[in-house]
N, C-alpha and C. Protein backbone atom coordinates (compact mmCIF):
# COMPACT_ATOMS: atom_id res chain seq x y z
N MET A 1 116.68 108.09 36.84
CA MET A 1 117.09 106.68 36.77
C MET A 1 117.78 106.26 38.06
N GLN A 2 118.65 107.16 38.57
CA GLN A 2 119.34 106.85 39.82
C GLN A 2 118.35 106.78 40.99
N LEU A 3 117.34 107.65 40.98
CA LEU A 3 116.34 107.66 42.04
C LEU A 3 115.55 106.37 42.03
N LEU A 4 115.22 105.88 40.84
CA LEU A 4 114.47 104.64 40.71
C LEU A 4 115.29 103.46 41.22
N SER A 5 116.57 103.47 40.91
CA SER A 5 117.45 102.39 41.35
C SER A 5 117.54 102.35 42.87
N ALA A 6 117.62 103.52 43.49
CA ALA A 6 117.72 103.59 44.95
C ALA A 6 116.44 103.09 45.61
N SER A 7 115.29 103.44 45.01
CA SER A 7 114.02 103.02 45.60
C SER A 7 113.84 101.51 45.53
N VAL A 8 114.49 100.89 44.58
CA VAL A 8 114.41 99.43 44.47
C VAL A 8 115.48 98.77 45.33
N LEU A 9 116.66 99.39 45.38
CA LEU A 9 117.80 98.80 46.07
C LEU A 9 117.62 98.79 47.59
N ILE A 10 117.09 99.88 48.15
CA ILE A 10 116.99 100.00 49.61
C ILE A 10 116.08 98.92 50.21
N PRO A 11 114.86 98.70 49.69
CA PRO A 11 114.03 97.62 50.25
C PRO A 11 114.69 96.25 50.10
N PHE A 12 115.43 96.07 48.99
CA PHE A 12 116.10 94.79 48.77
C PHE A 12 117.18 94.55 49.83
N LEU A 13 117.95 95.61 50.15
CA LEU A 13 118.98 95.49 51.18
C LEU A 13 118.37 95.23 52.56
N VAL A 14 117.26 95.92 52.85
CA VAL A 14 116.57 95.71 54.13
C VAL A 14 116.11 94.27 54.25
N LEU A 15 115.58 93.72 53.17
CA LEU A 15 115.11 92.33 53.17
C LEU A 15 116.25 91.36 53.44
N ILE A 16 117.41 91.64 52.84
CA ILE A 16 118.58 90.77 53.06
C ILE A 16 119.03 90.83 54.52
N ILE A 17 119.07 92.04 55.08
CA ILE A 17 119.51 92.20 56.48
C ILE A 17 118.57 91.47 57.44
N VAL A 18 117.26 91.63 57.22
CA VAL A 18 116.27 90.96 58.07
C VAL A 18 116.42 89.45 57.98
N SER A 19 116.65 88.95 56.78
CA SER A 19 116.81 87.51 56.58
C SER A 19 118.02 86.98 57.33
N ILE A 20 119.12 87.76 57.28
CA ILE A 20 120.34 87.35 57.98
C ILE A 20 120.10 87.30 59.49
N ILE A 21 119.39 88.32 60.01
CA ILE A 21 119.12 88.37 61.45
C ILE A 21 118.27 87.19 61.89
N LEU A 22 117.21 86.90 61.12
CA LEU A 22 116.34 85.78 61.47
C LEU A 22 117.09 84.46 61.42
N PHE A 23 117.94 84.31 60.42
CA PHE A 23 118.72 83.08 60.30
C PHE A 23 119.68 82.93 61.47
N TRP A 24 120.33 84.04 61.85
CA TRP A 24 121.30 84.01 62.96
C TRP A 24 120.61 83.67 64.29
N ASN A 25 119.44 84.29 64.52
CA ASN A 25 118.70 84.00 65.74
C ASN A 25 118.25 82.54 65.79
N GLY A 26 117.84 82.04 64.63
CA GLY A 26 117.42 80.64 64.58
C GLY A 26 118.56 79.71 64.90
N GLN A 27 119.76 80.03 64.38
CA GLN A 27 120.93 79.20 64.68
C GLN A 27 121.30 79.29 66.15
N SER A 28 121.22 80.50 66.72
CA SER A 28 121.60 80.69 68.12
C SER A 28 120.64 79.97 69.05
N CYS A 29 119.33 80.12 68.78
CA CYS A 29 118.33 79.51 69.65
C CYS A 29 118.38 78.00 69.60
N SER A 30 118.79 77.46 68.47
CA SER A 30 118.81 76.01 68.34
C SER A 30 119.87 75.39 69.24
N GLN A 31 120.86 76.22 69.67
CA GLN A 31 121.91 75.71 70.53
C GLN A 31 121.52 75.74 72.01
N ILE A 32 120.41 76.42 72.33
CA ILE A 32 119.99 76.55 73.72
C ILE A 32 119.04 75.42 74.08
N PRO A 33 119.33 74.64 75.14
CA PRO A 33 118.43 73.54 75.51
C PRO A 33 117.08 74.07 75.95
N LEU A 34 116.05 73.38 75.58
CA LEU A 34 114.69 73.78 75.94
C LEU A 34 114.47 73.55 77.43
N ILE A 35 114.17 74.63 78.15
CA ILE A 35 114.00 74.54 79.60
C ILE A 35 112.57 74.17 79.97
N LEU A 36 111.62 74.77 79.27
CA LEU A 36 110.23 74.52 79.59
C LEU A 36 109.77 73.22 78.95
N THR A 37 109.46 72.25 79.75
CA THR A 37 108.95 70.98 79.25
C THR A 37 107.70 70.62 80.03
N ASN A 38 107.05 69.55 79.60
CA ASN A 38 105.84 69.10 80.28
C ASN A 38 106.14 68.17 81.44
N ASP A 39 107.41 67.87 81.67
CA ASP A 39 107.79 66.95 82.73
C ASP A 39 107.86 67.69 84.06
N CYS A 40 106.82 67.54 84.88
CA CYS A 40 106.84 68.20 86.20
C CYS A 40 106.68 67.16 87.30
N HIS A 41 107.10 65.94 87.00
CA HIS A 41 106.94 64.84 87.95
C HIS A 41 107.65 65.13 89.27
N LEU A 42 108.88 65.62 89.20
CA LEU A 42 109.67 65.86 90.41
C LEU A 42 109.05 66.95 91.27
N SER A 43 108.65 68.06 90.66
CA SER A 43 108.08 69.16 91.43
C SER A 43 106.75 68.77 92.06
N LEU A 44 105.96 67.97 91.37
CA LEU A 44 104.69 67.51 91.93
C LEU A 44 104.91 66.68 93.18
N ILE A 45 105.87 65.77 93.12
CA ILE A 45 106.15 64.90 94.27
C ILE A 45 106.67 65.71 95.45
N GLU A 46 107.64 66.57 95.20
CA GLU A 46 108.32 67.27 96.29
C GLU A 46 107.53 68.47 96.82
N SER A 47 106.49 68.90 96.10
CA SER A 47 105.66 70.01 96.60
C SER A 47 104.28 69.53 97.03
N ASP A 48 104.13 68.22 97.18
CA ASP A 48 102.84 67.65 97.58
C ASP A 48 101.75 68.04 96.59
N HIS A 49 102.09 67.97 95.30
CA HIS A 49 101.17 68.25 94.19
C HIS A 49 100.67 69.70 94.19
N PHE A 50 101.49 70.61 94.71
CA PHE A 50 101.11 72.03 94.71
C PHE A 50 101.68 72.77 93.51
N ILE A 51 102.88 72.39 93.08
CA ILE A 51 103.56 73.08 91.99
C ILE A 51 103.89 72.10 90.88
N CYS A 52 103.63 72.51 89.65
CA CYS A 52 103.98 71.71 88.48
C CYS A 52 104.84 72.57 87.56
N GLU A 53 106.13 72.30 87.53
CA GLU A 53 107.03 73.01 86.63
C GLU A 53 108.15 72.06 86.23
N SER A 54 108.85 72.39 85.17
CA SER A 54 109.87 71.49 84.64
C SER A 54 110.94 71.20 85.68
N ASN A 55 111.60 70.06 85.52
CA ASN A 55 112.64 69.66 86.46
C ASN A 55 113.77 70.68 86.54
N ASN A 56 114.13 71.26 85.39
CA ASN A 56 115.20 72.26 85.39
C ASN A 56 114.84 73.47 86.24
N ILE A 57 113.63 73.97 86.06
CA ILE A 57 113.20 75.14 86.83
C ILE A 57 113.04 74.79 88.30
N TRP A 58 112.50 73.61 88.58
CA TRP A 58 112.31 73.18 89.96
C TRP A 58 113.66 73.03 90.68
N ASN A 59 114.64 72.45 90.01
CA ASN A 59 115.97 72.29 90.61
C ASN A 59 116.62 73.65 90.86
N GLU A 60 116.39 74.59 89.95
CA GLU A 60 116.91 75.94 90.16
C GLU A 60 116.24 76.59 91.37
N ARG A 61 114.95 76.36 91.52
CA ARG A 61 114.22 76.89 92.67
C ARG A 61 114.80 76.32 93.97
N LYS A 62 115.14 75.04 93.96
CA LYS A 62 115.72 74.40 95.14
C LYS A 62 117.11 74.96 95.45
N THR A 63 117.87 75.27 94.40
CA THR A 63 119.20 75.86 94.59
C THR A 63 119.08 77.22 95.27
N VAL A 64 118.12 78.02 94.82
CA VAL A 64 117.88 79.33 95.44
C VAL A 64 117.52 79.15 96.91
N TYR A 65 116.66 78.18 97.18
CA TYR A 65 116.25 77.91 98.57
C TYR A 65 117.44 77.51 99.44
N GLN A 66 118.23 76.56 98.96
CA GLN A 66 119.34 76.04 99.76
C GLN A 66 120.39 77.12 100.02
N THR A 67 120.64 77.95 99.01
CA THR A 67 121.63 79.02 99.16
C THR A 67 121.19 80.04 100.21
N GLN A 68 119.93 80.49 100.10
CA GLN A 68 119.43 81.48 101.04
C GLN A 68 119.24 80.89 102.43
N ASP A 69 118.89 79.61 102.50
CA ASP A 69 118.69 78.98 103.80
C ASP A 69 119.99 78.95 104.60
N LYS A 70 121.11 78.72 103.91
CA LYS A 70 122.41 78.75 104.58
C LYS A 70 122.71 80.15 105.12
N GLU A 71 122.35 81.17 104.33
CA GLU A 71 122.55 82.54 104.78
C GLU A 71 121.69 82.84 106.01
N ASN A 72 120.47 82.32 106.00
CA ASN A 72 119.56 82.57 107.12
C ASN A 72 120.04 81.92 108.41
N MET A 73 120.80 80.85 108.30
CA MET A 73 121.27 80.14 109.48
C MET A 73 122.48 80.81 110.14
N MET A 74 123.08 81.77 109.45
CA MET A 74 124.25 82.47 109.99
C MET A 74 123.81 83.51 111.01
N LYS A 75 124.55 83.61 112.10
CA LYS A 75 124.22 84.56 113.16
C LYS A 75 124.85 85.92 112.84
N ARG A 76 124.04 86.96 112.88
CA ARG A 76 124.52 88.31 112.63
C ARG A 76 124.02 89.23 113.73
N GLN A 77 124.84 90.19 114.08
CA GLN A 77 124.46 91.14 115.11
C GLN A 77 123.79 92.35 114.47
N SER A 78 122.58 92.64 114.92
CA SER A 78 121.86 93.79 114.39
C SER A 78 120.71 94.14 115.32
N ASN A 79 120.38 95.44 115.36
CA ASN A 79 119.23 95.87 116.14
C ASN A 79 117.92 95.48 115.47
N ILE A 80 117.98 95.28 114.16
CA ILE A 80 116.79 94.87 113.41
C ILE A 80 117.01 93.41 113.01
N PHE A 81 116.64 92.49 113.90
CA PHE A 81 116.98 91.09 113.72
C PHE A 81 116.40 90.51 112.44
N PHE A 82 115.11 90.74 112.22
CA PHE A 82 114.44 90.08 111.10
C PHE A 82 115.04 90.50 109.77
N LEU A 83 115.23 91.81 109.57
CA LEU A 83 115.72 92.30 108.28
C LEU A 83 117.15 91.87 108.02
N THR A 84 117.92 91.67 109.07
CA THR A 84 119.33 91.32 108.90
C THR A 84 119.55 89.82 108.85
N ASN A 85 118.75 89.08 109.57
CA ASN A 85 119.02 87.66 109.74
C ASN A 85 118.07 86.72 109.00
N TRP A 86 117.00 87.24 108.48
CA TRP A 86 116.06 86.31 107.85
C TRP A 86 115.45 86.91 106.59
N GLU A 87 115.68 86.25 105.48
CA GLU A 87 115.10 86.66 104.20
C GLU A 87 114.38 85.47 103.59
N PRO A 88 113.38 85.71 102.75
CA PRO A 88 112.65 84.59 102.14
C PRO A 88 113.58 83.66 101.37
N ASN A 89 113.37 82.36 101.54
CA ASN A 89 114.19 81.39 100.81
C ASN A 89 113.38 80.62 99.77
N PHE A 90 112.09 80.91 99.69
CA PHE A 90 111.25 80.28 98.67
C PHE A 90 110.34 81.34 98.08
N HIS A 91 110.27 81.37 96.77
CA HIS A 91 109.50 82.41 96.10
C HIS A 91 108.42 81.78 95.23
N CYS A 92 107.22 82.30 95.36
CA CYS A 92 106.09 81.79 94.58
C CYS A 92 105.85 82.69 93.37
N SER A 93 105.33 82.09 92.32
CA SER A 93 105.10 82.85 91.09
C SER A 93 104.03 83.92 91.26
N HIS A 94 103.01 83.61 92.08
CA HIS A 94 101.89 84.54 92.24
C HIS A 94 101.56 84.73 93.72
N ALA A 95 102.60 85.01 94.52
CA ALA A 95 102.37 85.28 95.94
C ALA A 95 101.49 86.51 96.08
N ARG A 96 100.63 86.48 97.09
CA ARG A 96 99.67 87.58 97.26
C ARG A 96 99.56 87.95 98.73
N ARG A 97 99.50 89.23 98.98
CA ARG A 97 99.35 89.73 100.34
C ARG A 97 97.88 89.61 100.74
N ILE A 98 97.63 88.86 101.81
CA ILE A 98 96.27 88.69 102.33
C ILE A 98 96.19 89.38 103.68
N GLY A 99 95.25 90.31 103.81
CA GLY A 99 95.13 91.07 105.06
C GLY A 99 95.81 92.42 104.95
N LYS A 100 95.75 93.17 106.03
CA LYS A 100 96.27 94.53 106.02
C LYS A 100 97.80 94.55 106.01
N MET A 101 98.37 95.69 105.67
CA MET A 101 99.81 95.86 105.71
C MET A 101 100.28 95.87 107.16
N GLY A 102 101.53 95.49 107.36
CA GLY A 102 102.06 95.43 108.72
C GLY A 102 101.63 94.16 109.41
N ASP A 103 101.58 94.20 110.73
CA ASP A 103 101.20 93.02 111.50
C ASP A 103 99.74 92.68 111.25
N GLY A 104 99.46 91.41 111.06
CA GLY A 104 98.08 90.97 110.80
C GLY A 104 97.95 90.35 109.43
N GLY A 105 98.42 91.05 108.40
CA GLY A 105 98.40 90.50 107.05
C GLY A 105 99.57 89.57 106.82
N LYS A 106 99.43 88.68 105.85
CA LYS A 106 100.49 87.72 105.55
C LYS A 106 100.58 87.49 104.04
N TRP A 107 101.78 87.14 103.58
CA TRP A 107 101.95 86.74 102.19
C TRP A 107 101.54 85.28 102.05
N VAL A 108 100.74 84.99 101.04
CA VAL A 108 100.26 83.63 100.79
C VAL A 108 100.76 83.18 99.42
N CYS A 109 101.25 81.96 99.38
CA CYS A 109 101.83 81.42 98.15
C CYS A 109 100.75 80.96 97.18
N ASP A 110 100.61 81.67 96.07
CA ASP A 110 99.72 81.29 94.96
C ASP A 110 98.32 80.87 95.42
N PRO A 111 97.59 81.73 96.10
CA PRO A 111 96.25 81.34 96.58
C PRO A 111 95.27 81.01 95.45
N TYR A 112 95.56 81.49 94.23
CA TYR A 112 94.65 81.22 93.12
C TYR A 112 94.50 79.72 92.85
N ARG A 113 95.49 78.93 93.28
CA ARG A 113 95.45 77.49 93.06
C ARG A 113 94.30 76.83 93.82
N LEU A 114 93.77 77.52 94.81
CA LEU A 114 92.71 76.94 95.64
C LEU A 114 91.31 77.17 95.06
N LYS A 115 91.22 77.90 93.97
CA LYS A 115 89.91 78.20 93.40
C LYS A 115 89.16 76.94 92.99
N SER A 116 89.88 75.91 92.62
CA SER A 116 89.24 74.68 92.17
C SER A 116 89.01 73.68 93.30
N ARG A 117 89.47 74.01 94.51
CA ARG A 117 89.30 73.10 95.65
C ARG A 117 88.02 73.46 96.40
N LEU A 118 86.99 72.66 96.20
CA LEU A 118 85.69 72.96 96.80
C LEU A 118 85.69 72.80 98.32
N ASP A 119 86.58 71.93 98.83
CA ASP A 119 86.64 71.72 100.29
C ASP A 119 87.86 72.41 100.89
N CYS A 120 88.20 73.56 100.36
CA CYS A 120 89.36 74.33 100.82
C CYS A 120 89.26 74.59 102.33
N LEU A 121 90.37 74.35 103.03
CA LEU A 121 90.40 74.51 104.48
C LEU A 121 91.59 75.38 104.89
N VAL A 122 91.32 76.41 105.68
CA VAL A 122 92.35 77.35 106.12
C VAL A 122 92.39 77.38 107.64
N TYR A 123 93.60 77.25 108.20
CA TYR A 123 93.81 77.39 109.64
C TYR A 123 94.60 78.68 109.88
N SER A 124 94.09 79.52 110.76
CA SER A 124 94.77 80.75 111.13
C SER A 124 95.05 80.72 112.63
N VAL A 125 96.30 80.45 112.98
CA VAL A 125 96.68 80.28 114.39
C VAL A 125 97.29 81.59 114.90
N GLY A 126 96.66 82.18 115.89
CA GLY A 126 97.10 83.47 116.41
C GLY A 126 96.24 84.57 115.83
N SER A 127 95.54 85.29 116.70
CA SER A 127 94.60 86.30 116.21
C SER A 127 94.78 87.64 116.91
N ASN A 128 94.76 87.61 118.23
CA ASN A 128 94.82 88.84 119.03
C ASN A 128 93.67 89.79 118.67
N GLY A 129 92.57 89.21 118.20
CA GLY A 129 91.40 90.01 117.87
C GLY A 129 91.47 90.71 116.53
N ASP A 130 92.53 90.48 115.77
CA ASP A 130 92.68 91.11 114.45
C ASP A 130 92.28 90.09 113.39
N PHE A 131 91.16 90.33 112.73
CA PHE A 131 90.64 89.39 111.74
C PHE A 131 90.80 89.90 110.31
N SER A 132 91.72 90.82 110.10
CA SER A 132 91.91 91.37 108.75
C SER A 132 92.36 90.29 107.77
N TYR A 133 93.17 89.34 108.26
CA TYR A 133 93.63 88.25 107.40
C TYR A 133 92.45 87.38 106.98
N GLU A 134 91.62 87.01 107.94
CA GLU A 134 90.47 86.15 107.64
C GLU A 134 89.47 86.84 106.72
N ILE A 135 89.24 88.12 106.95
CA ILE A 135 88.28 88.87 106.13
C ILE A 135 88.74 88.93 104.68
N ASP A 136 90.02 89.22 104.50
CA ASP A 136 90.56 89.31 103.14
C ASP A 136 90.63 87.94 102.48
N MET A 137 90.96 86.91 103.27
CA MET A 137 91.00 85.56 102.73
C MET A 137 89.61 85.12 102.26
N LYS A 138 88.59 85.45 103.04
CA LYS A 138 87.22 85.08 102.66
C LYS A 138 86.79 85.83 101.41
N LYS A 139 87.24 87.07 101.28
CA LYS A 139 86.92 87.85 100.09
C LYS A 139 87.63 87.27 98.86
N THR A 140 88.87 86.81 99.07
CA THR A 140 89.65 86.24 97.98
C THR A 140 89.18 84.84 97.61
N MET A 141 88.91 84.03 98.63
CA MET A 141 88.48 82.65 98.43
C MET A 141 87.20 82.40 99.24
N PRO A 142 86.06 82.87 98.76
CA PRO A 142 84.81 82.78 99.53
C PRO A 142 84.36 81.36 99.84
N HIS A 143 84.86 80.38 99.07
CA HIS A 143 84.44 79.00 99.30
C HIS A 143 85.26 78.30 100.37
N CYS A 144 86.34 78.94 100.84
CA CYS A 144 87.21 78.30 101.83
C CYS A 144 86.59 78.36 103.24
N GLU A 145 86.78 77.29 103.97
CA GLU A 145 86.36 77.21 105.37
C GLU A 145 87.53 77.64 106.24
N ILE A 146 87.33 78.68 107.05
CA ILE A 146 88.42 79.27 107.82
C ILE A 146 88.20 79.05 109.31
N HIS A 147 89.23 78.52 109.98
CA HIS A 147 89.20 78.31 111.43
C HIS A 147 90.32 79.14 112.06
N THR A 148 89.95 79.93 113.05
CA THR A 148 90.91 80.80 113.73
C THR A 148 91.10 80.33 115.17
N PHE A 149 92.37 80.32 115.61
CA PHE A 149 92.71 79.81 116.95
C PHE A 149 93.47 80.88 117.73
N ASP A 150 93.14 81.00 119.01
CA ASP A 150 93.89 81.91 119.88
C ASP A 150 93.66 81.47 121.32
N LEU A 151 94.63 81.76 122.19
CA LEU A 151 94.47 81.37 123.59
C LEU A 151 93.48 82.26 124.32
N ASN A 152 93.23 83.46 123.78
CA ASN A 152 92.22 84.36 124.35
C ASN A 152 90.92 84.25 123.55
N LEU A 153 89.84 84.70 124.15
CA LEU A 153 88.53 84.58 123.52
C LEU A 153 88.20 85.81 122.69
N TYR A 154 87.92 85.57 121.42
CA TYR A 154 87.47 86.63 120.51
C TYR A 154 86.30 86.09 119.70
N VAL A 155 85.68 86.96 118.94
CA VAL A 155 84.53 86.55 118.12
C VAL A 155 84.82 86.86 116.66
N CYS A 156 84.73 85.84 115.82
CA CYS A 156 84.95 86.04 114.39
C CYS A 156 83.83 86.90 113.80
N PRO A 157 84.16 87.73 112.82
CA PRO A 157 83.11 88.46 112.10
C PRO A 157 82.13 87.46 111.47
N LYS A 158 80.89 87.85 111.35
CA LYS A 158 79.84 86.96 110.85
C LYS A 158 80.16 86.45 109.45
N ASN A 159 80.00 85.14 109.27
CA ASN A 159 80.19 84.47 107.98
C ASN A 159 81.62 84.57 107.44
N ILE A 160 82.57 84.81 108.34
CA ILE A 160 83.97 84.90 107.92
C ILE A 160 84.76 83.68 108.37
N CYS A 161 84.70 83.37 109.65
CA CYS A 161 85.50 82.28 110.18
C CYS A 161 84.83 81.66 111.40
N ILE A 162 85.43 80.57 111.88
CA ILE A 162 84.98 79.87 113.08
C ILE A 162 86.09 79.99 114.11
N PHE A 163 85.77 80.56 115.27
CA PHE A 163 86.80 80.82 116.27
C PHE A 163 86.88 79.69 117.30
N HIS A 164 88.13 79.38 117.71
CA HIS A 164 88.37 78.36 118.73
C HIS A 164 89.35 78.92 119.76
N GLN A 165 88.94 78.95 121.01
CA GLN A 165 89.85 79.39 122.08
C GLN A 165 90.67 78.18 122.51
N ILE A 166 91.89 78.12 122.02
CA ILE A 166 92.75 76.96 122.25
C ILE A 166 94.18 77.43 122.49
N THR A 167 94.84 76.77 123.43
CA THR A 167 96.27 76.97 123.64
C THR A 167 97.01 75.78 123.04
N PHE A 168 97.87 76.04 122.10
CA PHE A 168 98.63 74.97 121.46
C PHE A 168 99.76 74.51 122.38
N GLY A 169 99.93 73.20 122.45
CA GLY A 169 101.00 72.62 123.26
C GLY A 169 101.02 71.12 123.07
N ASN A 170 101.57 70.42 124.04
CA ASN A 170 101.63 68.96 123.94
C ASN A 170 100.55 68.27 124.76
N GLY A 171 99.62 69.06 125.29
CA GLY A 171 98.56 68.50 126.11
C GLY A 171 98.87 68.55 127.59
N VAL A 172 100.13 68.82 127.91
CA VAL A 172 100.57 68.91 129.32
C VAL A 172 101.12 70.31 129.60
N ASN A 173 102.04 70.73 128.75
CA ASN A 173 102.62 72.07 128.85
C ASN A 173 102.38 72.84 127.56
N PRO A 174 101.86 74.05 127.67
CA PRO A 174 101.33 74.70 128.88
C PRO A 174 100.09 73.96 129.41
N LYS A 175 99.75 74.24 130.62
CA LYS A 175 98.61 73.59 131.25
C LYS A 175 97.33 73.92 130.49
N GLY A 176 96.55 72.89 130.22
CA GLY A 176 95.30 73.08 129.50
C GLY A 176 95.46 73.16 127.99
N SER A 177 96.66 72.93 127.50
CA SER A 177 96.90 73.02 126.05
C SER A 177 96.41 71.76 125.35
N LYS A 178 96.33 71.85 124.03
CA LYS A 178 95.94 70.71 123.20
C LYS A 178 96.98 70.52 122.10
N ASN A 179 97.26 69.26 121.80
CA ASN A 179 98.22 69.01 120.73
C ASN A 179 97.50 68.98 119.38
N TRP A 180 98.30 68.89 118.34
CA TRP A 180 97.78 68.99 116.98
C TRP A 180 96.77 67.89 116.67
N THR A 181 97.09 66.67 117.04
CA THR A 181 96.22 65.54 116.75
C THR A 181 94.86 65.69 117.43
N THR A 182 94.88 66.13 118.69
CA THR A 182 93.63 66.32 119.43
C THR A 182 92.74 67.36 118.76
N ILE A 183 93.35 68.44 118.31
CA ILE A 183 92.58 69.51 117.65
C ILE A 183 91.94 69.00 116.36
N LEU A 184 92.71 68.27 115.57
CA LEU A 184 92.17 67.72 114.31
C LEU A 184 91.03 66.75 114.58
N GLN A 185 91.18 65.95 115.61
CA GLN A 185 90.13 64.99 115.95
C GLN A 185 88.86 65.70 116.41
N GLU A 186 89.00 66.70 117.27
CA GLU A 186 87.84 67.41 117.78
C GLU A 186 87.08 68.15 116.68
N LEU A 187 87.81 68.63 115.68
CA LEU A 187 87.18 69.36 114.58
C LEU A 187 86.78 68.44 113.42
N ASN A 188 87.06 67.15 113.60
CA ASN A 188 86.74 66.16 112.56
C ASN A 188 87.45 66.48 111.25
N HIS A 189 88.72 66.86 111.37
CA HIS A 189 89.52 67.23 110.20
C HIS A 189 90.65 66.23 109.92
N ILE A 190 90.62 65.09 110.57
CA ILE A 190 91.69 64.11 110.39
C ILE A 190 91.85 63.72 108.93
N GLN A 191 90.75 63.55 108.23
CA GLN A 191 90.79 63.10 106.84
C GLN A 191 90.82 64.26 105.85
N ARG A 192 90.86 65.48 106.35
CA ARG A 192 90.86 66.63 105.44
C ARG A 192 92.26 67.22 105.29
N LYS A 193 92.46 67.88 104.18
CA LYS A 193 93.74 68.51 103.90
C LYS A 193 93.67 69.99 104.27
N ILE A 194 94.63 70.44 105.07
CA ILE A 194 94.71 71.87 105.41
C ILE A 194 95.48 72.56 104.29
N ASP A 195 94.80 73.39 103.54
CA ASP A 195 95.41 74.02 102.37
C ASP A 195 96.31 75.19 102.75
N ILE A 196 95.92 75.95 103.75
CA ILE A 196 96.74 77.07 104.21
C ILE A 196 96.83 77.02 105.73
N LEU A 197 98.05 77.03 106.24
CA LEU A 197 98.29 77.07 107.68
C LEU A 197 99.07 78.34 108.00
N LYS A 198 98.39 79.31 108.60
CA LYS A 198 99.04 80.57 108.98
C LYS A 198 99.27 80.55 110.48
N ILE A 199 100.51 80.76 110.90
CA ILE A 199 100.84 80.76 112.33
C ILE A 199 101.54 82.06 112.68
N ASP A 200 100.99 82.78 113.64
CA ASP A 200 101.59 84.02 114.12
C ASP A 200 101.38 84.08 115.63
N ILE A 201 102.23 83.36 116.35
CA ILE A 201 102.13 83.33 117.81
C ILE A 201 103.50 83.58 118.41
N GLU A 202 103.57 84.49 119.35
CA GLU A 202 104.84 84.80 120.00
C GLU A 202 105.26 83.61 120.86
N GLY A 203 106.52 83.22 120.70
CA GLY A 203 107.05 82.13 121.49
C GLY A 203 106.71 80.77 120.94
N GLY A 204 106.03 80.71 119.76
CA GLY A 204 105.62 79.44 119.19
C GLY A 204 106.73 78.79 118.40
């Protein structure tokens, strides 16, 4: 008789405990403001329609940026300048490494967003004959049109990119340089949107 009572009592007690826990969690969660909403108007405007997330999350992202940006502006003495003086101040949800590790490859912010852009346009400024970035970008986004720029003459791998031997400047200094507007006009890209602009030039 005692064994039967225990077999009935234990499940009953477990049920009561579970009910109390669920009720308590429900009460606790109801006090927490809902962060995820469909309102992404602010982030769309301020990110040029690249990011859509709730105002609360977007404002938190801006706080992270502003805090780290102040740190980056401080002068520190170190033999390793980059690691000591400069850290990322903006973080993407799905950042991806494009190209090889080390020099040549670059982190790209959420490249998956470009899958739906049929006229995707990528500018890669600075090459030094290393096309690992362009090759990986073409593999990742085969529909993107990639233009590579360098002051020296190199040849893009076949069906990967279009190479332009150009020195960036104001059209006067350095001698023979071209400014941004001139380059866009010559390539007939004035009316097009550059989706990714990668710049890796010493002294730029």
